PDB file of all heavy atoms in Angstrom:
ATOM      1  N   LYS A   1       1.004  -8.871 -14.999  1.00  0.00           N
ATOM      2  CA  LYS A   1      -0.017  -9.402 -14.050  1.00  0.00           C
ATOM      3  C   LYS A   1       0.650 -10.307 -12.993  1.00  0.00           C
ATOM      4  O   LYS A   1       0.217 -10.275 -11.867  1.00  0.00           O
ATOM      5  CB  LYS A   1      -1.085 -10.209 -14.845  1.00  0.00           C
ATOM      6  CG  LYS A   1      -1.972  -9.326 -15.653  1.00  0.00           C
ATOM      7  CD  LYS A   1      -3.191 -10.122 -16.149  1.00  0.00           C
ATOM      8  CE  LYS A   1      -2.826 -11.135 -17.195  1.00  0.00           C
ATOM      9  NZ  LYS A   1      -4.020 -11.794 -17.755  1.00  0.00           N
ATOM     10  N   ASN A   2       1.636 -11.069 -13.384  1.00  0.00           N
ATOM     11  CA  ASN A   2       2.317 -11.939 -12.412  1.00  0.00           C
ATOM     12  C   ASN A   2       3.083 -11.082 -11.374  1.00  0.00           C
ATOM     13  O   ASN A   2       3.094 -11.466 -10.205  1.00  0.00           O
ATOM     14  CB  ASN A   2       3.348 -12.865 -13.179  1.00  0.00           C
ATOM     15  CG  ASN A   2       2.657 -13.943 -13.934  1.00  0.00           C
ATOM     16  OD1 ASN A   2       1.517 -14.284 -13.667  1.00  0.00           O
ATOM     17  ND2 ASN A   2       3.290 -14.457 -14.955  1.00  0.00           N
ATOM     18  N   ARG A   3       3.625  -9.953 -11.799  1.00  0.00           N
ATOM     19  CA  ARG A   3       4.329  -9.078 -10.872  1.00  0.00           C
ATOM     20  C   ARG A   3       3.342  -8.548  -9.828  1.00  0.00           C
ATOM     21  O   ARG A   3       3.631  -8.445  -8.671  1.00  0.00           O
ATOM     22  CB  ARG A   3       5.051  -7.956 -11.579  1.00  0.00           C
ATOM     23  CG  ARG A   3       6.369  -8.372 -12.204  1.00  0.00           C
ATOM     24  CD  ARG A   3       7.188  -7.142 -12.523  1.00  0.00           C
ATOM     25  NE  ARG A   3       6.460  -6.135 -13.229  1.00  0.00           N
ATOM     26  CZ  ARG A   3       6.984  -5.004 -13.648  1.00  0.00           C
ATOM     27  NH1 ARG A   3       8.217  -4.677 -13.357  1.00  0.00           N
ATOM     28  NH2 ARG A   3       6.217  -4.115 -14.348  1.00  0.00           N
ATOM     29  N   ARG A   4       2.201  -8.233 -10.277  1.00  0.00           N
ATOM     30  CA  ARG A   4       1.168  -7.667  -9.395  1.00  0.00           C
ATOM     31  C   ARG A   4       0.739  -8.681  -8.335  1.00  0.00           C
ATOM     32  O   ARG A   4       0.514  -8.349  -7.237  1.00  0.00           O
ATOM     33  CB  ARG A   4      -0.095  -7.206 -10.177  1.00  0.00           C
ATOM     34  CG  ARG A   4       0.200  -6.006 -11.044  1.00  0.00           C
ATOM     35  CD  ARG A   4      -1.001  -5.732 -12.004  1.00  0.00           C
ATOM     36  NE  ARG A   4      -0.662  -4.782 -12.992  1.00  0.00           N
ATOM     37  CZ  ARG A   4      -1.374  -4.551 -14.089  1.00  0.00           C
ATOM     38  NH1 ARG A   4      -2.541  -5.231 -14.173  1.00  0.00           N
ATOM     39  NH2 ARG A   4      -1.010  -3.640 -14.963  1.00  0.00           N
ATOM     40  N   GLU A   5       0.554  -9.900  -8.738  1.00  0.00           N
ATOM     41  CA  GLU A   5       0.128 -10.995  -7.894  1.00  0.00           C
ATOM     42  C   GLU A   5       1.109 -11.238  -6.762  1.00  0.00           C
ATOM     43  O   GLU A   5       0.789 -11.708  -5.728  1.00  0.00           O
ATOM     44  CB  GLU A   5      -0.093 -12.273  -8.668  1.00  0.00           C
ATOM     45  CG  GLU A   5      -1.326 -12.214  -9.577  1.00  0.00           C
ATOM     46  CD  GLU A   5      -1.412 -13.443 -10.432  1.00  0.00           C
ATOM     47  OE1 GLU A   5      -0.573 -14.351 -10.319  1.00  0.00           O
ATOM     48  OE2 GLU A   5      -2.379 -13.493 -11.243  1.00  0.00           O
ATOM     49  N   HIS A   6       2.419 -10.867  -7.039  1.00  0.00           N
ATOM     50  CA  HIS A   6       3.438 -11.097  -5.977  1.00  0.00           C
ATOM     51  C   HIS A   6       3.717  -9.869  -5.192  1.00  0.00           C
ATOM     52  O   HIS A   6       4.643  -9.835  -4.399  1.00  0.00           O
ATOM     53  CB  HIS A   6       4.686 -11.577  -6.670  1.00  0.00           C
ATOM     54  CG  HIS A   6       4.578 -13.047  -7.140  1.00  0.00           C
ATOM     55  ND1 HIS A   6       4.097 -13.351  -8.394  1.00  0.00           N
ATOM     56  CD2 HIS A   6       4.879 -14.222  -6.594  1.00  0.00           C
ATOM     57  CE1 HIS A   6       4.171 -14.671  -8.565  1.00  0.00           C
ATOM     58  NE2 HIS A   6       4.623 -15.229  -7.476  1.00  0.00           N
ATOM     59  N   SER A   7       2.975  -8.786  -5.430  1.00  0.00           N
ATOM     60  CA  SER A   7       3.190  -7.567  -4.690  1.00  0.00           C
ATOM     61  C   SER A   7       2.721  -7.778  -3.209  1.00  0.00           C
ATOM     62  O   SER A   7       1.732  -8.540  -2.972  1.00  0.00           O
ATOM     63  CB  SER A   7       2.468  -6.352  -5.291  1.00  0.00           C
ATOM     64  OG  SER A   7       1.049  -6.605  -5.281  1.00  0.00           O
ATOM     65  N   SER A   8       3.371  -7.184  -2.325  1.00  0.00           N
ATOM     66  CA  SER A   8       3.086  -7.396  -0.844  1.00  0.00           C
ATOM     67  C   SER A   8       2.592  -6.134  -0.173  1.00  0.00           C
ATOM     68  O   SER A   8       2.541  -5.040  -0.842  1.00  0.00           O
ATOM     69  CB  SER A   8       4.297  -7.953  -0.170  1.00  0.00           C
ATOM     70  OG  SER A   8       5.397  -6.980  -0.243  1.00  0.00           O
ATOM     71  N   HIS A   9       2.319  -6.241   1.109  1.00  0.00           N
ATOM     72  CA  HIS A   9       1.916  -5.136   1.941  1.00  0.00           C
ATOM     73  C   HIS A   9       0.590  -4.456   1.571  1.00  0.00           C
ATOM     74  O   HIS A   9       0.530  -3.423   1.021  1.00  0.00           O
ATOM     75  CB  HIS A   9       3.000  -4.004   1.890  1.00  0.00           C
ATOM     76  CG  HIS A   9       4.341  -4.480   2.308  1.00  0.00           C
ATOM     77  ND1 HIS A   9       4.549  -5.168   3.393  1.00  0.00           N
ATOM     78  CD2 HIS A   9       5.491  -4.353   1.631  1.00  0.00           C
ATOM     79  CE1 HIS A   9       5.870  -5.430   3.523  1.00  0.00           C
ATOM     80  NE2 HIS A   9       6.507  -4.986   2.431  1.00  0.00           N
ATOM     81  N   ALA A  10      -0.473  -5.244   1.845  1.00  0.00           N
ATOM     82  CA  ALA A  10      -1.784  -4.691   1.603  1.00  0.00           C
ATOM     83  C   ALA A  10      -2.097  -3.580   2.637  1.00  0.00           C
ATOM     84  O   ALA A  10      -1.742  -3.709   3.797  1.00  0.00           O
ATOM     85  CB  ALA A  10      -2.861  -5.755   1.756  1.00  0.00           C
ATOM     86  N   GLY A  11      -2.749  -2.550   2.188  1.00  0.00           N
ATOM     87  CA  GLY A  11      -3.106  -1.511   3.069  1.00  0.00           C
ATOM     88  C   GLY A  11      -2.033  -0.582   3.468  1.00  0.00           C
ATOM     89  O   GLY A  11      -1.952  -0.249   4.621  1.00  0.00           O
ATOM     90  N   ASP A  12      -1.205  -0.130   2.636  1.00  0.00           N
ATOM     91  CA  ASP A  12      -0.170   0.846   2.936  1.00  0.00           C
ATOM     92  C   ASP A  12      -0.783   2.277   2.924  1.00  0.00           C
ATOM     93  O   ASP A  12      -1.388   2.651   1.989  1.00  0.00           O
ATOM     94  CB  ASP A  12       0.852   0.815   1.817  1.00  0.00           C
ATOM     95  CG  ASP A  12       1.798  -0.443   1.851  1.00  0.00           C
ATOM     96  OD1 ASP A  12       1.597  -1.167   2.854  1.00  0.00           O
ATOM     97  OD2 ASP A  12       2.580  -0.649   0.944  1.00  0.00           O
ATOM     98  N   GLU A  13      -0.568   2.915   4.058  1.00  0.00           N
ATOM     99  CA  GLU A  13      -1.013   4.269   4.231  1.00  0.00           C
ATOM    100  C   GLU A  13       0.153   5.265   4.044  1.00  0.00           C
ATOM    101  O   GLU A  13       1.182   5.042   4.649  1.00  0.00           O
ATOM    102  CB  GLU A  13      -1.719   4.563   5.514  1.00  0.00           C
ATOM    103  CG  GLU A  13      -2.205   5.988   5.672  1.00  0.00           C
ATOM    104  CD  GLU A  13      -3.065   6.195   6.847  1.00  0.00           C
ATOM    105  OE1 GLU A  13      -3.631   5.227   7.333  1.00  0.00           O
ATOM    106  OE2 GLU A  13      -3.223   7.329   7.313  1.00  0.00           O
ATOM    107  N   ILE A  14      -0.029   6.301   3.263  1.00  0.00           N
ATOM    108  CA  ILE A  14       1.076   7.195   2.925  1.00  0.00           C
ATOM    109  C   ILE A  14       0.857   8.418   3.781  1.00  0.00           C
ATOM    110  O   ILE A  14      -0.203   9.079   3.675  1.00  0.00           O
ATOM    111  CB  ILE A  14       1.124   7.608   1.443  1.00  0.00           C
ATOM    112  CG1 ILE A  14       0.932   6.262   0.590  1.00  0.00           C
ATOM    113  CG2 ILE A  14       2.391   8.339   1.099  1.00  0.00           C
ATOM    114  CD1 ILE A  14       1.887   5.194   0.961  1.00  0.00           C
ATOM    115  N   ALA A  15       1.811   8.756   4.678  1.00  0.00           N
ATOM    116  CA  ALA A  15       1.749   9.960   5.469  1.00  0.00           C
ATOM    117  C   ALA A  15       2.259  11.173   4.697  1.00  0.00           C
ATOM    118  O   ALA A  15       3.464  11.356   4.577  1.00  0.00           O
ATOM    119  CB  ALA A  15       2.516   9.799   6.777  1.00  0.00           C
ATOM    120  N   LEU A  16       1.335  11.963   4.128  1.00  0.00           N
ATOM    121  CA  LEU A  16       1.770  13.049   3.257  1.00  0.00           C
ATOM    122  C   LEU A  16       1.840  14.388   4.047  1.00  0.00           C
ATOM    123  O   LEU A  16       1.384  14.405   5.130  1.00  0.00           O
ATOM    124  CB  LEU A  16       0.702  13.175   2.158  1.00  0.00           C
ATOM    125  CG  LEU A  16       0.443  11.882   1.322  1.00  0.00           C
ATOM    126  CD1 LEU A  16      -0.676  12.146   0.377  1.00  0.00           C
ATOM    127  CD2 LEU A  16       1.740  11.522   0.559  1.00  0.00           C
ATOM    128  N   ASP A  17       2.467  15.354   3.410  1.00  0.00           N
ATOM    129  CA  ASP A  17       2.657  16.625   3.997  1.00  0.00           C
ATOM    130  C   ASP A  17       1.327  17.398   3.961  1.00  0.00           C
ATOM    131  O   ASP A  17       1.245  18.487   3.284  1.00  0.00           O
ATOM    132  CB  ASP A  17       3.763  17.420   3.330  1.00  0.00           C
ATOM    133  CG  ASP A  17       5.070  16.873   3.584  1.00  0.00           C
ATOM    134  OD1 ASP A  17       5.269  16.132   4.535  1.00  0.00           O
ATOM    135  OD2 ASP A  17       6.010  17.128   2.722  1.00  0.00           O
ATOM    136  N   GLN A  18       0.310  16.832   4.516  1.00  0.00           N
ATOM    137  CA  GLN A  18      -1.015  17.475   4.504  1.00  0.00           C
ATOM    138  C   GLN A  18      -1.593  17.222   5.894  1.00  0.00           C
ATOM    139  O   GLN A  18      -1.400  16.220   6.521  1.00  0.00           O
ATOM    140  CB  GLN A  18      -1.945  16.877   3.360  1.00  0.00           C
ATOM    141  CG  GLN A  18      -1.374  17.101   1.966  1.00  0.00           C
ATOM    142  CD  GLN A  18      -1.615  18.523   1.489  1.00  0.00           C
ATOM    143  OE1 GLN A  18      -2.470  19.204   2.034  1.00  0.00           O
ATOM    144  NE2 GLN A  18      -0.805  18.970   0.598  1.00  0.00           N
ATOM    145  N   PRO A  19      -2.519  18.138   6.314  1.00  0.00           N
ATOM    146  CA  PRO A  19      -3.170  17.943   7.600  1.00  0.00           C
ATOM    147  C   PRO A  19      -4.145  16.772   7.709  1.00  0.00           C
ATOM    148  O   PRO A  19      -4.403  16.268   8.751  1.00  0.00           O
ATOM    149  CB  PRO A  19      -3.802  19.306   7.920  1.00  0.00           C
ATOM    150  CG  PRO A  19      -4.056  19.813   6.550  1.00  0.00           C
ATOM    151  CD  PRO A  19      -2.948  19.368   5.717  1.00  0.00           C
ATOM    152  N   GLU A  20      -4.713  16.445   6.586  1.00  0.00           N
ATOM    153  CA  GLU A  20      -5.754  15.413   6.631  1.00  0.00           C
ATOM    154  C   GLU A  20      -5.231  14.058   6.835  1.00  0.00           C
ATOM    155  O   GLU A  20      -4.260  13.640   6.157  1.00  0.00           O
ATOM    156  CB  GLU A  20      -6.595  15.465   5.294  1.00  0.00           C
ATOM    157  CG  GLU A  20      -7.305  16.702   4.990  1.00  0.00           C
ATOM    158  CD  GLU A  20      -6.407  17.667   4.141  1.00  0.00           C
ATOM    159  OE1 GLU A  20      -5.210  17.459   4.091  1.00  0.00           O
ATOM    160  OE2 GLU A  20      -7.004  18.566   3.529  1.00  0.00           O
ATOM    161  N   LYS A  21      -5.830  13.263   7.678  1.00  0.00           N
ATOM    162  CA  LYS A  21      -5.444  11.835   7.899  1.00  0.00           C
ATOM    163  C   LYS A  21      -6.111  11.016   6.767  1.00  0.00           C
ATOM    164  O   LYS A  21      -7.307  11.209   6.370  1.00  0.00           O
ATOM    165  CB  LYS A  21      -5.984  11.379   9.246  1.00  0.00           C
ATOM    166  CG  LYS A  21      -5.724   9.934   9.578  1.00  0.00           C
ATOM    167  CD  LYS A  21      -4.262   9.686   9.832  1.00  0.00           C
ATOM    168  CE  LYS A  21      -4.058   8.201  10.378  1.00  0.00           C
ATOM    169  NZ  LYS A  21      -2.604   7.938  10.432  1.00  0.00           N
ATOM    170  N   GLY A  22      -5.355  10.060   6.263  1.00  0.00           N
ATOM    171  CA  GLY A  22      -5.953   9.194   5.210  1.00  0.00           C
ATOM    172  C   GLY A  22      -6.050   9.851   3.963  1.00  0.00           C
ATOM    173  O   GLY A  22      -6.929   9.513   3.162  1.00  0.00           O
ATOM    174  N   LEU A  23      -5.112  10.737   3.617  1.00  0.00           N
ATOM    175  CA  LEU A  23      -5.116  11.401   2.308  1.00  0.00           C
ATOM    176  C   LEU A  23      -4.887  10.438   1.202  1.00  0.00           C
ATOM    177  O   LEU A  23      -5.505  10.601   0.125  1.00  0.00           O
ATOM    178  CB  LEU A  23      -4.073  12.488   2.294  1.00  0.00           C
ATOM    179  CG  LEU A  23      -4.221  13.522   1.136  1.00  0.00           C
ATOM    180  CD1 LEU A  23      -5.545  14.251   1.234  1.00  0.00           C
ATOM    181  CD2 LEU A  23      -3.128  14.552   1.298  1.00  0.00           C
ATOM    182  N   LEU A  24      -4.115   9.481   1.426  1.00  0.00           N
ATOM    183  CA  LEU A  24      -3.888   8.413   0.383  1.00  0.00           C
ATOM    184  C   LEU A  24      -3.656   7.085   1.018  1.00  0.00           C
ATOM    185  O   LEU A  24      -2.689   6.908   1.796  1.00  0.00           O
ATOM    186  CB  LEU A  24      -2.739   8.754  -0.523  1.00  0.00           C
ATOM    187  CG  LEU A  24      -2.319   7.756  -1.677  1.00  0.00           C
ATOM    188  CD1 LEU A  24      -3.529   7.676  -2.650  1.00  0.00           C
ATOM    189  CD2 LEU A  24      -1.069   8.211  -2.356  1.00  0.00           C
ATOM    190  N   ILE A  25      -4.489   6.103   0.721  1.00  0.00           N
ATOM    191  CA  ILE A  25      -4.329   4.736   1.208  1.00  0.00           C
ATOM    192  C   ILE A  25      -4.423   3.745   0.041  1.00  0.00           C
ATOM    193  O   ILE A  25      -5.316   3.846  -0.725  1.00  0.00           O
ATOM    194  CB  ILE A  25      -5.403   4.402   2.299  1.00  0.00           C
ATOM    195  CG1 ILE A  25      -5.228   5.299   3.458  1.00  0.00           C
ATOM    196  CG2 ILE A  25      -5.242   2.915   2.644  1.00  0.00           C
ATOM    197  CD1 ILE A  25      -6.374   5.126   4.497  1.00  0.00           C
ATOM    198  N   LEU A  26      -3.390   2.930  -0.185  1.00  0.00           N
ATOM    199  CA  LEU A  26      -3.401   1.951  -1.194  1.00  0.00           C
ATOM    200  C   LEU A  26      -3.618   0.540  -0.578  1.00  0.00           C
ATOM    201  O   LEU A  26      -2.788   0.104   0.211  1.00  0.00           O
ATOM    202  CB  LEU A  26      -2.058   1.961  -1.967  1.00  0.00           C
ATOM    203  CG  LEU A  26      -1.636   3.269  -2.637  1.00  0.00           C
ATOM    204  CD1 LEU A  26      -0.400   3.084  -3.374  1.00  0.00           C
ATOM    205  CD2 LEU A  26      -2.699   3.843  -3.461  1.00  0.00           C
ATOM    206  N   ASP A  27      -4.629  -0.171  -1.056  1.00  0.00           N
ATOM    207  CA  ASP A  27      -4.860  -1.519  -0.666  1.00  0.00           C
ATOM    208  C   ASP A  27      -4.281  -2.368  -1.810  1.00  0.00           C
ATOM    209  O   ASP A  27      -4.929  -2.595  -2.809  1.00  0.00           O
ATOM    210  CB  ASP A  27      -6.322  -1.840  -0.471  1.00  0.00           C
ATOM    211  CG  ASP A  27      -6.583  -3.255   0.025  1.00  0.00           C
ATOM    212  OD1 ASP A  27      -5.777  -4.121  -0.289  1.00  0.00           O
ATOM    213  OD2 ASP A  27      -7.676  -3.492   0.571  1.00  0.00           O
ATOM    214  N   LYS A  28      -3.020  -2.810  -1.679  1.00  0.00           N
ATOM    215  CA  LYS A  28      -2.316  -3.485  -2.746  1.00  0.00           C
ATOM    216  C   LYS A  28      -2.845  -4.886  -3.006  1.00  0.00           C
ATOM    217  O   LYS A  28      -2.725  -5.358  -4.105  1.00  0.00           O
ATOM    218  CB  LYS A  28      -0.842  -3.478  -2.491  1.00  0.00           C
ATOM    219  CG  LYS A  28      -0.185  -2.165  -2.457  1.00  0.00           C
ATOM    220  CD  LYS A  28       1.352  -2.206  -2.403  1.00  0.00           C
ATOM    221  CE  LYS A  28       1.903  -0.829  -2.565  1.00  0.00           C
ATOM    222  NZ  LYS A  28       3.410  -0.872  -2.417  1.00  0.00           N
ATOM    223  N   GLU A  29      -3.393  -5.507  -2.006  1.00  0.00           N
ATOM    224  CA  GLU A  29      -3.941  -6.878  -2.218  1.00  0.00           C
ATOM    225  C   GLU A  29      -5.136  -6.848  -3.120  1.00  0.00           C
ATOM    226  O   GLU A  29      -5.296  -7.635  -4.019  1.00  0.00           O
ATOM    227  CB  GLU A  29      -4.275  -7.488  -0.849  1.00  0.00           C
ATOM    228  CG  GLU A  29      -4.698  -8.935  -0.969  1.00  0.00           C
ATOM    229  CD  GLU A  29      -4.904  -9.561   0.424  1.00  0.00           C
ATOM    230  OE1 GLU A  29      -3.876 -10.100   0.967  1.00  0.00           O
ATOM    231  OE2 GLU A  29      -5.984  -9.571   0.883  1.00  0.00           O
ATOM    232  N   ARG A  30      -6.011  -5.917  -2.889  1.00  0.00           N
ATOM    233  CA  ARG A  30      -7.271  -5.715  -3.702  1.00  0.00           C
ATOM    234  C   ARG A  30      -7.128  -4.729  -4.793  1.00  0.00           C
ATOM    235  O   ARG A  30      -8.082  -4.448  -5.514  1.00  0.00           O
ATOM    236  CB  ARG A  30      -8.444  -5.477  -2.755  1.00  0.00           C
ATOM    237  CG  ARG A  30      -8.788  -6.530  -1.826  1.00  0.00           C
ATOM    238  CD  ARG A  30     -10.057  -6.201  -1.013  1.00  0.00           C
ATOM    239  NE  ARG A  30      -9.806  -5.024  -0.104  1.00  0.00           N
ATOM    240  CZ  ARG A  30     -10.756  -4.405   0.471  1.00  0.00           C
ATOM    241  NH1 ARG A  30     -12.019  -4.741   0.252  1.00  0.00           N
ATOM    242  NH2 ARG A  30     -10.511  -3.352   1.283  1.00  0.00           N
ATOM    243  N   ARG A  31      -5.964  -4.005  -4.842  1.00  0.00           N
ATOM    244  CA  ARG A  31      -5.694  -2.964  -5.781  1.00  0.00           C
ATOM    245  C   ARG A  31      -6.769  -1.875  -5.755  1.00  0.00           C
ATOM    246  O   ARG A  31      -7.356  -1.555  -6.817  1.00  0.00           O
ATOM    247  CB  ARG A  31      -5.530  -3.588  -7.191  1.00  0.00           C
ATOM    248  CG  ARG A  31      -4.450  -4.628  -7.309  1.00  0.00           C
ATOM    249  CD  ARG A  31      -4.168  -5.055  -8.651  1.00  0.00           C
ATOM    250  NE  ARG A  31      -3.582  -3.985  -9.501  1.00  0.00           N
ATOM    251  CZ  ARG A  31      -2.263  -3.620  -9.441  1.00  0.00           C
ATOM    252  NH1 ARG A  31      -1.461  -4.150  -8.562  1.00  0.00           N
ATOM    253  NH2 ARG A  31      -1.844  -2.659 -10.166  1.00  0.00           N
ATOM    254  N   LEU A  32      -7.018  -1.338  -4.519  1.00  0.00           N
ATOM    255  CA  LEU A  32      -7.922  -0.276  -4.333  1.00  0.00           C
ATOM    256  C   LEU A  32      -7.229   0.942  -3.821  1.00  0.00           C
ATOM    257  O   LEU A  32      -6.237   0.864  -3.131  1.00  0.00           O
ATOM    258  CB  LEU A  32      -9.028  -0.689  -3.367  1.00  0.00           C
ATOM    259  CG  LEU A  32      -9.884  -1.849  -3.796  1.00  0.00           C
ATOM    260  CD1 LEU A  32     -10.930  -2.239  -2.732  1.00  0.00           C
ATOM    261  CD2 LEU A  32     -10.706  -1.598  -5.093  1.00  0.00           C
ATOM    262  N   VAL A  33      -7.792   2.149  -4.107  1.00  0.00           N
ATOM    263  CA  VAL A  33      -7.269   3.380  -3.641  1.00  0.00           C
ATOM    264  C   VAL A  33      -8.384   4.136  -2.898  1.00  0.00           C
ATOM    265  O   VAL A  33      -9.469   4.265  -3.329  1.00  0.00           O
ATOM    266  CB  VAL A  33      -6.745   4.292  -4.858  1.00  0.00           C
ATOM    267  CG1 VAL A  33      -6.314   5.626  -4.372  1.00  0.00           C
ATOM    268  CG2 VAL A  33      -5.614   3.598  -5.593  1.00  0.00           C
ATOM    269  N   TYR A  34      -7.919   4.677  -1.722  1.00  0.00           N
ATOM    270  CA  TYR A  34      -8.813   5.495  -0.883  1.00  0.00           C
ATOM    271  C   TYR A  34      -8.217   6.820  -0.590  1.00  0.00           C
ATOM    272  O   TYR A  34      -6.967   6.948  -0.379  1.00  0.00           O
ATOM    273  CB  TYR A  34      -9.193   4.724   0.438  1.00  0.00           C
ATOM    274  CG  TYR A  34      -9.836   3.445   0.264  1.00  0.00           C
ATOM    275  CD1 TYR A  34      -9.010   2.305   0.191  1.00  0.00           C
ATOM    276  CD2 TYR A  34     -11.179   3.329   0.229  1.00  0.00           C
ATOM    277  CE1 TYR A  34      -9.646   0.996  -0.007  1.00  0.00           C
ATOM    278  CE2 TYR A  34     -11.838   2.069   0.043  1.00  0.00           C
ATOM    279  CZ  TYR A  34     -11.077   0.897  -0.047  1.00  0.00           C
ATOM    280  OH  TYR A  34     -11.680  -0.237  -0.206  1.00  0.00           O
ATOM    281  N   SER A  35      -9.066   7.805  -0.537  1.00  0.00           N
ATOM    282  CA  SER A  35      -8.605   9.184  -0.126  1.00  0.00           C
ATOM    283  C   SER A  35      -9.671   9.824   0.748  1.00  0.00           C
ATOM    284  O   SER A  35     -10.800   9.909   0.314  1.00  0.00           O
ATOM    285  CB  SER A  35      -8.360  10.078  -1.354  1.00  0.00           C
ATOM    286  OG  SER A  35      -7.860  11.352  -1.021  1.00  0.00           O
ATOM    287  N   LEU A  36      -9.295  10.225   1.933  1.00  0.00           N
ATOM    288  CA  LEU A  36     -10.215  10.838   2.868  1.00  0.00           C
ATOM    289  C   LEU A  36     -11.464   9.998   3.083  1.00  0.00           C
ATOM    290  O   LEU A  36     -12.590  10.520   3.167  1.00  0.00           O
ATOM    291  CB  LEU A  36     -10.544  12.220   2.453  1.00  0.00           C
ATOM    292  CG  LEU A  36      -9.374  13.245   2.273  1.00  0.00           C
ATOM    293  CD1 LEU A  36      -9.826  14.533   1.733  1.00  0.00           C
ATOM    294  CD2 LEU A  36      -8.665  13.361   3.531  1.00  0.00           C
TER     295      LEU A  36
END
């Protein structure tokens, strides 16, 4: 849990080999995952 609290870079978007924009977005601050 302590390691998670010190994680940085909220809102990292991963540019994947797929045509869709926003295929995978990780909000590390709030620990949320979005896809499309």
